[in-house]
Protein backbone atom coordinates (compact mmCIF):
# COMPACT_ATOMS: atom_id res chain seq x y z
CA MET A 1 59.22 18.89 -26.41
CA ALA A 2 59.62 17.95 -22.78
CA GLY A 3 63.16 17.12 -21.66
CA ILE A 4 64.08 14.81 -18.69
CA LYS A 5 65.67 16.23 -15.64
CA HIS A 6 66.69 14.47 -12.54
CA PRO A 7 64.83 15.58 -9.47
CA ASP A 8 66.26 17.15 -6.46
CA GLY A 9 66.16 14.93 -3.21
CA GLU A 10 67.90 12.26 -1.10
CA LEU A 11 68.49 8.67 -2.25
CA GLY A 12 65.29 6.72 -1.44
CA GLU A 13 61.77 6.52 -2.86
CA LYS A 14 62.42 9.44 -5.52
CA ASP A 15 65.28 7.60 -7.02
CA TYR A 16 63.32 4.15 -7.32
CA HIS A 17 60.59 6.24 -9.05
CA TRP A 18 63.29 7.99 -11.27
CA GLY A 19 64.57 4.63 -12.05
CA LEU A 20 61.05 3.47 -13.15
CA PHE A 21 60.55 6.50 -15.48
CA LEU A 22 64.12 5.97 -17.03
CA LEU A 23 63.29 2.35 -17.60
CA ASN A 24 60.32 3.20 -19.58
CA ALA A 25 61.57 6.15 -21.46
CA GLY A 26 65.01 4.21 -22.02
CA ALA A 27 63.02 1.38 -23.66
CA ILE A 28 61.83 3.80 -26.33
CA SER A 29 64.85 5.90 -26.57
CA GLU A 30 67.36 2.93 -27.15
CA ARG A 31 65.63 2.15 -30.42
CA ILE A 32 67.79 5.00 -31.93
CA PRO A 33 70.92 4.65 -29.81
CA ASN A 34 73.11 6.98 -31.73
CA ARG A 35 72.97 10.69 -30.64
CA LYS A 36 73.45 11.92 -34.13
CA ALA A 37 71.35 9.62 -35.67
CA LYS A 38 68.63 11.05 -33.42
CA GLU A 39 69.42 14.59 -34.30
CA ILE A 40 68.85 13.51 -38.11
CA TYR A 41 65.76 11.66 -37.42
CA GLU A 42 64.48 14.59 -35.49
CA LEU A 43 65.07 17.00 -38.53
CA ILE A 44 63.39 14.55 -40.86
CA CYS A 45 60.35 14.25 -38.56
CA ARG A 46 59.96 18.16 -38.43
CA HIS A 47 59.26 18.13 -42.24
CA THR A 48 57.09 16.20 -44.58
CA THR A 49 60.03 15.55 -46.95
CA ILE A 50 63.62 16.98 -46.85
CA SER A 51 66.64 16.64 -49.06
CA LYS A 52 70.19 15.49 -48.15
CA THR A 53 71.36 19.10 -49.00
CA GLU A 54 68.84 20.60 -46.24
CA LEU A 55 69.95 18.25 -43.86
CA LEU A 56 73.50 19.31 -44.39
CA GLU A 57 72.47 22.83 -43.90
CA GLN A 58 70.49 22.10 -40.72
CA SER A 59 72.54 19.63 -38.95
CA GLY A 60 76.16 21.10 -39.64
CA MET A 61 77.32 17.56 -40.27
CA THR A 62 79.89 16.21 -42.71
CA VAL A 63 78.87 14.75 -45.69
CA SER A 64 80.25 11.34 -44.97
CA THR A 65 78.59 11.40 -41.47
CA LEU A 66 75.34 12.37 -42.77
CA THR A 67 75.49 9.79 -45.63
CA ARG A 68 76.31 6.85 -43.02
CA LEU A 69 73.49 8.12 -40.77
CA LEU A 70 70.90 8.14 -43.31
CA GLU A 71 71.77 4.69 -44.53
CA GLU A 72 71.58 3.48 -40.93
CA LEU A 73 68.31 4.88 -40.40
CA THR A 74 66.94 3.61 -43.74
CA GLY A 75 68.37 0.16 -43.19
CA GLN A 76 66.57 0.02 -39.72
CA GLY A 77 63.56 1.15 -41.32
CA PHE A 78 63.07 4.52 -39.46
CA ILE A 79 63.23 6.52 -42.74
CA LEU A 80 62.26 6.31 -46.15
CA GLU A 81 63.45 7.57 -49.57
CA SER A 82 60.35 9.11 -50.92
CA GLY A 83 61.37 10.32 -54.41
CA PHE A 84 63.32 13.13 -55.74
CA GLY A 85 63.17 16.91 -55.18
CA ALA A 86 63.34 19.80 -57.66
CA SER A 87 66.81 19.98 -59.56
CA THR A 88 68.80 23.00 -59.24
CA GLY A 89 71.11 22.39 -62.09
CA GLY A 90 72.57 19.01 -61.28
CA ARG A 91 70.98 15.73 -60.38
CA ARG A 92 67.54 15.82 -58.68
CA PRO A 93 68.09 15.43 -54.77
CA ILE A 94 66.83 12.39 -52.89
CA LEU A 95 64.12 13.32 -50.60
CA TYR A 96 63.68 11.50 -47.09
CA GLU A 97 60.63 11.09 -44.92
CA LYS A 98 59.79 9.46 -41.61
CA ASN A 99 58.36 6.07 -41.93
CA SER A 100 55.16 6.20 -40.26
CA ALA A 101 54.67 2.53 -40.52
CA TYR A 102 57.62 1.64 -38.52
CA ALA A 103 55.93 1.46 -35.19
CA TYR A 104 52.76 2.34 -33.55
CA VAL A 105 51.63 4.04 -30.18
CA PHE A 106 48.70 3.89 -27.78
CA GLY A 107 47.45 7.27 -26.40
CA LEU A 108 45.02 7.36 -23.44
CA ASP A 109 43.21 10.06 -22.11
CA ILE A 110 41.61 9.74 -18.84
CA SER A 111 39.33 12.54 -17.70
CA ARG A 112 36.45 13.37 -15.50
CA THR A 113 33.74 12.62 -17.92
CA LEU A 114 35.22 10.61 -20.73
CA SER A 115 38.29 8.48 -21.28
CA LYS A 116 39.56 7.74 -24.63
CA LEU A 117 42.18 5.18 -26.09
CA VAL A 118 43.79 5.96 -29.61
CA LEU A 119 46.02 3.97 -31.82
CA VAL A 120 48.38 5.84 -34.05
CA ASP A 121 51.29 5.37 -36.25
CA LEU A 122 54.45 7.53 -36.19
CA GLY A 123 52.87 9.91 -38.50
CA MET A 124 50.20 10.53 -35.88
CA ASN A 125 47.69 8.89 -38.26
CA LYS A 126 44.89 7.63 -36.22
CA LEU A 127 44.11 4.11 -36.98
CA ASP A 128 41.67 3.30 -34.18
CA ALA A 129 39.92 4.76 -31.13
CA ARG A 130 37.59 4.01 -28.32
CA SER A 131 35.62 5.97 -25.77
CA TRP A 132 34.43 5.19 -22.36
CA THR A 133 31.92 7.38 -20.37
CA MET A 134 33.30 7.86 -16.67
CA THR A 135 30.30 6.72 -14.68
CA ALA A 136 30.06 6.15 -11.02
CA GLU A 137 30.90 2.42 -11.97
CA MET A 138 34.07 3.26 -13.76
CA THR A 139 36.71 2.48 -11.11
CA PRO A 140 40.31 2.07 -11.87
CA GLU A 141 40.01 -1.71 -12.10
CA VAL A 142 37.35 -1.60 -14.44
CA LEU A 143 38.61 0.92 -16.88
CA ILE A 144 41.94 -0.71 -17.06
CA ARG A 145 40.32 -3.94 -17.90
CA LEU A 146 38.31 -2.28 -20.70
CA ILE A 147 41.54 -0.61 -21.95
CA VAL A 148 43.53 -3.71 -22.02
CA LYS A 149 40.96 -5.69 -23.90
CA GLU A 150 40.52 -2.80 -26.30
CA ALA A 151 44.28 -2.57 -26.95
CA HIS A 152 44.54 -6.16 -27.94
CA ASP A 153 41.62 -6.04 -29.87
CA MET A 154 43.02 -3.09 -31.96
CA MET A 155 46.22 -4.92 -32.36
CA GLU A 156 44.41 -7.84 -33.99
CA ARG A 157 42.34 -5.73 -36.21
CA HIS A 158 45.35 -4.09 -37.55
CA GLY A 159 47.91 -6.81 -37.50
CA ILE A 160 50.22 -5.36 -34.98
CA THR A 161 52.42 -7.39 -32.78
CA LYS A 162 53.63 -6.21 -29.40
CA SER A 163 57.27 -5.69 -30.78
CA MET A 164 55.79 -3.06 -33.39
CA LEU A 165 54.45 -0.93 -30.46
CA LEU A 166 56.57 1.96 -28.93
CA GLY A 167 54.50 1.79 -25.89
CA ILE A 168 51.52 3.56 -24.41
CA GLY A 169 51.30 7.27 -23.21
CA VAL A 170 48.73 8.54 -20.59
CA GLY A 171 47.52 12.10 -20.25
CA ALA A 172 45.23 12.34 -16.97
CA VAL A 173 43.57 14.67 -14.51
CA GLY A 174 46.18 15.89 -12.06
CA PRO A 175 47.96 15.87 -9.79
CA VAL A 176 50.11 13.06 -11.08
CA ASP A 177 53.56 11.90 -10.27
CA ARG A 178 55.18 11.44 -13.71
CA LEU A 179 58.37 9.47 -12.21
CA SER A 180 56.26 6.87 -10.52
CA GLY A 181 53.52 6.94 -13.13
CA THR A 182 50.83 7.51 -10.40
CA ILE A 183 47.40 9.32 -10.78
CA LEU A 184 47.35 11.02 -7.21
CA GLU A 185 44.17 12.59 -6.11
CA PRO A 186 41.94 13.71 -9.19
CA ALA A 187 38.76 15.79 -7.94
CA TYR A 188 35.47 15.21 -9.26
CA PHE A 189 35.46 11.65 -10.42
CA GLN A 190 32.19 9.93 -10.08
CA ALA A 191 33.77 6.48 -9.26
CA ASN A 192 35.60 5.51 -6.18
CA GLY A 193 39.22 4.28 -6.09
CA TRP A 194 40.97 7.19 -8.22
CA ARG A 195 43.38 7.88 -5.22
CA ASN A 196 47.10 6.95 -5.95
CA VAL A 197 46.62 4.76 -9.06
CA GLU A 198 49.76 3.41 -10.22
CA ILE A 199 48.47 3.56 -13.72
CA CYS A 200 51.73 3.02 -15.49
CA ARG A 201 52.73 -0.04 -13.67
CA LEU A 202 49.29 -1.55 -14.18
CA LEU A 203 49.11 -0.87 -18.00
CA THR A 204 52.89 -2.33 -18.46
CA GLU A 205 52.25 -5.23 -16.33
CA GLU A 206 48.78 -5.97 -18.44
CA LEU A 207 50.29 -4.88 -21.93
CA GLY A 208 54.00 -5.70 -21.76
CA ILE A 209 54.97 -2.47 -23.24
CA PRO A 210 56.67 0.58 -21.85
CA SER A 211 54.24 3.23 -20.46
CA MET A 212 54.35 7.00 -19.38
CA LEU A 213 52.34 9.55 -17.75
CA ASP A 214 51.68 13.16 -17.79
CA ASN A 215 48.88 15.79 -16.94
CA GLY A 216 46.22 16.09 -19.65
CA ALA A 217 46.86 19.75 -20.42
CA ASN A 218 50.63 19.13 -21.17
CA THR A 219 49.78 16.09 -23.47
CA ALA A 220 47.00 18.23 -25.04
CA ILE A 221 49.53 20.97 -25.94
CA LEU A 222 52.02 18.43 -27.10
CA ALA A 223 49.50 17.36 -29.74
CA GLU A 224 48.42 20.73 -30.83
CA SER A 225 52.06 21.93 -31.08
CA TRP A 226 52.95 18.96 -33.14
CA HIS A 227 49.88 19.59 -35.30
CA GLN A 228 51.20 23.15 -35.77
CA ARG A 229 54.81 22.17 -36.29
CA THR A 230 55.36 23.77 -39.40
CA GLN A 231 54.09 27.33 -38.09
CA SER A 232 56.54 29.70 -36.65
CA PHE A 233 55.10 29.92 -33.14
CA LYS A 234 57.61 29.33 -30.49
CA HIS A 235 55.53 30.17 -27.27
CA LEU A 236 52.28 28.59 -26.81
CA LEU A 237 49.77 28.43 -24.22
CA TYR A 238 46.94 26.03 -23.99
CA ILE A 239 43.87 26.15 -21.69
CA HIS A 240 41.24 23.32 -21.42
CA ALA A 241 37.95 24.49 -19.83
CA GLY A 242 35.69 22.08 -18.87
CA VAL A 243 34.68 20.77 -15.23
CA GLY A 244 37.67 22.72 -14.25
CA LEU A 245 40.13 24.82 -15.93
CA ARG A 246 43.50 23.44 -16.77
CA SER A 247 46.57 25.07 -18.67
CA SER A 248 49.90 24.20 -19.80
CA MET A 249 52.75 26.03 -21.83
CA VAL A 250 55.36 25.17 -24.54
CA SER A 251 58.39 27.55 -25.11
CA GLU A 252 60.98 26.80 -27.68
CA GLY A 253 59.45 23.42 -28.27
CA LYS A 254 59.84 22.30 -24.47
CA LEU A 255 56.96 21.97 -22.00
CA ILE A 256 57.39 24.32 -19.18
CA TYR A 257 57.34 22.22 -15.75
CA GLY A 258 57.04 23.80 -12.37
CA ALA A 259 58.32 22.56 -8.94
CA VAL A 260 55.45 20.01 -8.80
CA ASP A 261 53.85 17.83 -11.23
CA MET A 262 50.70 19.67 -11.35
CA GLU A 263 49.02 21.24 -14.55
CA GLY A 264 48.47 24.96 -14.49
CA SER A 265 45.50 25.54 -12.09
CA VAL A 266 44.28 28.41 -13.81
CA GLY A 267 40.91 27.87 -12.44
CA GLN A 268 42.15 28.76 -8.82
CA MET A 269 43.02 32.31 -10.04
CA ILE A 270 41.31 34.77 -7.71
CA ILE A 271 39.27 37.29 -9.94
CA GLN A 272 37.24 38.36 -7.08
CA THR A 273 38.62 38.84 -3.48
CA ASP A 274 35.08 38.75 -1.86
CA GLY A 275 33.84 36.25 -4.39
CA VAL A 276 31.65 33.18 -4.23
CA ALA A 277 33.05 29.89 -2.34
CA HIS A 278 34.70 27.37 -4.48
CA ARG A 279 32.85 24.01 -4.82
CA ASP A 280 35.63 22.22 -3.30
CA ALA A 281 36.46 23.40 0.49
CA SER A 282 40.20 23.46 -0.48
CA GLY A 283 39.54 25.92 -3.66
CA ASN A 284 39.96 29.71 -3.32
CA TYR A 285 37.11 32.09 -2.64
CA GLY A 286 36.45 33.99 -5.96
CA ALA A 287 38.40 31.53 -7.98
CA LEU A 288 38.03 31.87 -12.05
CA GLU A 289 36.25 28.41 -12.21
CA SER A 290 33.65 29.24 -9.83
CA TYR A 291 32.49 31.69 -12.54
CA ALA A 292 33.56 30.11 -15.79
CA SER A 293 33.57 26.22 -16.07
CA LEU A 294 30.90 23.62 -16.61
CA TYR A 295 29.83 23.83 -13.17
CA ALA A 296 29.36 27.47 -12.96
CA ILE A 297 27.17 27.44 -15.95
CA GLU A 298 24.84 24.58 -14.65
CA LYS A 299 24.84 26.14 -11.39
CA ALA A 300 23.65 29.54 -12.71
CA ALA A 301 21.13 27.91 -14.95
CA ARG A 302 19.63 25.86 -12.01
CA SER A 303 19.28 28.92 -10.01
CA ALA A 304 17.53 30.64 -12.93
CA LEU A 305 14.90 27.72 -13.22
CA LYS A 306 14.37 27.70 -9.60
CA GLN A 307 13.64 31.63 -9.61
CA GLY A 308 11.08 31.07 -12.41
CA ARG A 309 13.16 32.73 -15.09
CA SER A 310 11.40 32.43 -18.59
CA THR A 311 13.61 30.04 -20.57
CA VAL A 312 13.60 27.05 -23.00
CA LEU A 313 15.20 25.09 -20.30
CA SER A 314 11.93 24.51 -18.33
CA GLN A 315 10.79 22.49 -21.52
CA LEU A 316 13.83 20.32 -21.34
CA VAL A 317 14.18 19.25 -17.85
CA GLU A 318 11.41 18.93 -15.19
CA ASP A 319 13.76 19.00 -11.98
CA PRO A 320 16.36 21.86 -12.09
CA GLU A 321 18.69 19.73 -10.28
CA GLN A 322 18.83 17.42 -13.04
CA LEU A 323 20.03 19.98 -15.52
CA SER A 324 23.06 19.29 -17.30
CA TYR A 325 25.32 21.14 -19.70
CA THR A 326 23.84 19.15 -22.49
CA GLN A 327 20.45 20.78 -22.08
CA VAL A 328 22.31 24.28 -21.67
CA LEU A 329 23.81 23.73 -25.35
CA GLU A 330 20.41 22.64 -26.73
CA ALA A 331 18.82 25.89 -25.46
CA LEU A 332 21.75 27.92 -26.63
CA LYS A 333 21.21 26.47 -30.18
CA LYS A 334 17.75 27.94 -29.89
CA ASN A 335 19.24 31.33 -28.93
CA ASP A 336 17.41 31.05 -25.40
CA PRO A 337 18.03 34.62 -24.14
CA LEU A 338 18.64 33.31 -20.59
CA VAL A 339 21.22 30.84 -21.71
CA VAL A 340 22.82 33.47 -23.99
CA GLU A 341 23.07 35.73 -20.97
CA ILE A 342 24.64 32.97 -18.64
CA ILE A 343 27.29 31.87 -21.34
CA THR A 344 28.25 35.46 -22.32
CA GLU A 345 28.85 36.10 -18.42
CA ALA A 346 30.72 33.06 -17.91
CA ALA A 347 32.90 33.81 -21.08
CA THR A 348 33.61 37.33 -19.84
CA TYR A 349 35.01 36.16 -16.51
CA PHE A 350 37.00 33.53 -18.63
CA GLY A 351 38.49 36.39 -20.89
CA ILE A 352 39.37 38.50 -17.81
CA GLY A 353 41.45 35.36 -16.37
CA LEU A 354 42.72 34.82 -19.93
CA ALA A 355 43.89 38.38 -19.94
CA ASN A 356 45.84 38.09 -16.74
CA LEU A 357 47.76 35.14 -18.04
CA LEU A 358 48.60 37.09 -21.38
CA ASN A 359 49.94 40.07 -19.45
CA ILE A 360 52.21 37.78 -17.34
CA LEU A 361 53.33 35.10 -19.98
CA HIS A 362 52.88 36.79 -23.30
CA PRO A 363 52.45 33.69 -25.41
CA GLU A 364 52.50 34.20 -29.13
CA LYS A 365 49.69 31.85 -29.69
CA VAL A 366 46.72 30.83 -27.42
CA ILE A 367 45.00 27.38 -28.00
CA LEU A 368 41.70 27.08 -26.24
CA GLY A 369 40.06 23.49 -25.97
CA GLY A 370 37.59 21.60 -23.90
CA PRO A 371 33.74 21.28 -23.73
CA LEU A 372 33.15 25.19 -23.05
CA ILE A 373 34.95 25.93 -26.42
CA ALA A 374 33.66 23.09 -28.31
CA GLY A 375 30.22 24.04 -27.13
CA GLY A 376 29.76 27.04 -29.49
CA GLU A 377 31.17 30.42 -30.87
CA LEU A 378 29.56 32.63 -28.48
CA PHE A 379 31.93 31.58 -25.36
CA PHE A 380 34.98 31.53 -27.67
CA GLN A 381 34.28 34.79 -29.36
CA THR A 382 33.30 36.49 -26.25
CA ALA A 383 36.32 35.26 -24.29
CA THR A 384 38.95 36.25 -26.65
CA GLN A 385 37.36 39.68 -27.42
CA VAL A 386 37.57 40.52 -23.62
CA ALA A 387 41.09 39.22 -23.19
CA ILE A 388 42.13 41.32 -26.05
CA ARG A 389 40.46 44.39 -24.65
CA LYS A 390 42.39 43.98 -21.45
CA THR A 391 45.80 42.99 -22.69
CA TYR A 392 48.12 45.72 -21.30
CA TYR A 393 50.36 46.09 -24.35
CA TYR A 394 47.92 45.80 -27.15
CA PRO A 395 48.37 46.71 -30.14
CA ALA A 396 52.11 46.42 -29.73
CA TYR A 397 51.68 42.95 -28.29
CA GLN A 398 48.84 40.75 -30.44
CA VAL A 399 48.40 37.32 -29.54
CA VAL A 400 46.97 34.73 -31.98
CA PHE A 401 43.99 32.85 -30.68
CA SER A 402 42.54 29.34 -31.92
CA LYS A 403 40.58 26.72 -31.06
CA GLY A 404 42.28 23.45 -30.67
CA GLN A 405 42.59 21.68 -34.07
CA LEU A 406 42.20 18.12 -32.60
CA GLY A 407 39.21 18.54 -30.37
CA GLU A 408 38.42 16.20 -27.54
CA GLU A 409 41.20 13.82 -28.90
CA ALA A 410 44.12 16.18 -28.18
CA LEU A 411 44.63 14.71 -24.76
CA ALA A 412 44.91 11.11 -26.03
CA MET A 413 46.95 12.24 -29.06
CA GLY A 414 49.18 14.06 -27.17
CA ALA A 415 49.72 11.24 -25.04
CA ALA A 416 51.03 9.36 -27.91
CA VAL A 417 53.35 12.19 -28.95
CA MET A 418 54.96 12.00 -25.58
CA VAL A 419 55.86 8.45 -26.13
CA MET A 420 57.21 9.12 -29.55
CA ASP A 421 59.28 12.06 -28.57
CA GLN A 422 61.24 9.50 -26.54
CA LEU A 423 63.00 8.13 -29.70
CA VAL A 424 65.24 11.52 -29.98
CA ARG A 425 65.83 11.87 -26.28
CA LEU A 426 69.14 10.64 -24.92
């Protein structure tokens, strides 16, 4: 999981923001103030159940220290005795597990097309969820008002008081400033007002609980890696393919951060030096997302309609300019030849970009999520097959591909994981 590192820089605004970040993270972390207790709690969290003998082997602590810490964590309600393990000749060992009902967390995903709030317990069991479509009327003020009302409604429905909440995590479209909890200048929002939104300050003021912010791609990979925590993969790459292309990476259980608080802008990877202009004036010519994104697919389909190409799409929409990805998916389900051609071409470009990342980063596993991946097998299968063919060290280096197990909830669920992770941070 992502650690905390002080940013470089002179005293001033950065240190003020750093203080805000520590205030929120520290309010969660101090619930388990003892460093060794944090180590034991983290070990228990990695397993469904674990015995004292296994904890001794994995922690390297003395029997007396471990016994004391287990008693403390049990007495405080963080862990539970959950029965007995199999006997190896003597008494059956007591098994310990995390107490999922000790506390609860909100996770919030703020994306371009949809925003979602989830309520989970410490076992990542989803108790409640609510989504909002990001229309032209969904300004920050409107969305925050809806979030706060829904959060209070969820607490009332499930009998949860404020003291039982660890906090709220936010995964948002970047760029963001994690330290100040600010969404900076996200592109392609329909509503106005999404520039320099101090989302953490606003949520903490309204809900009275700690709040934390990160890029949505980062929170998504936190959720997916948590979901697959019992597997042996140490190096994971996540790509969210939708309106844009966003990426993140986990290595040895830690999020990889660069010098700036921006998610991996894989969509700006240049795949054709003399390629088409990006939809954004600041974007690169020949950028990957100009060929493989919701926008690119919609643009290709509209162009084909205007040219009079034979397609089911002409029965689904009268004005080509009104065509959306929803209609494209409808036509794909009917195996419309034109749409199959468009999706295959977009997926091929995506696979080329994916191969470029594989040849540089060499992850063990690649998790693909977002609307393009959820839209059907054609895009996923085409893209991964192209990537495999263009991976330089294949077959000596073979990567595992999978779709995100949490679907479109990954970003919100991962935002909750980000908050829970602070329990074991110093």
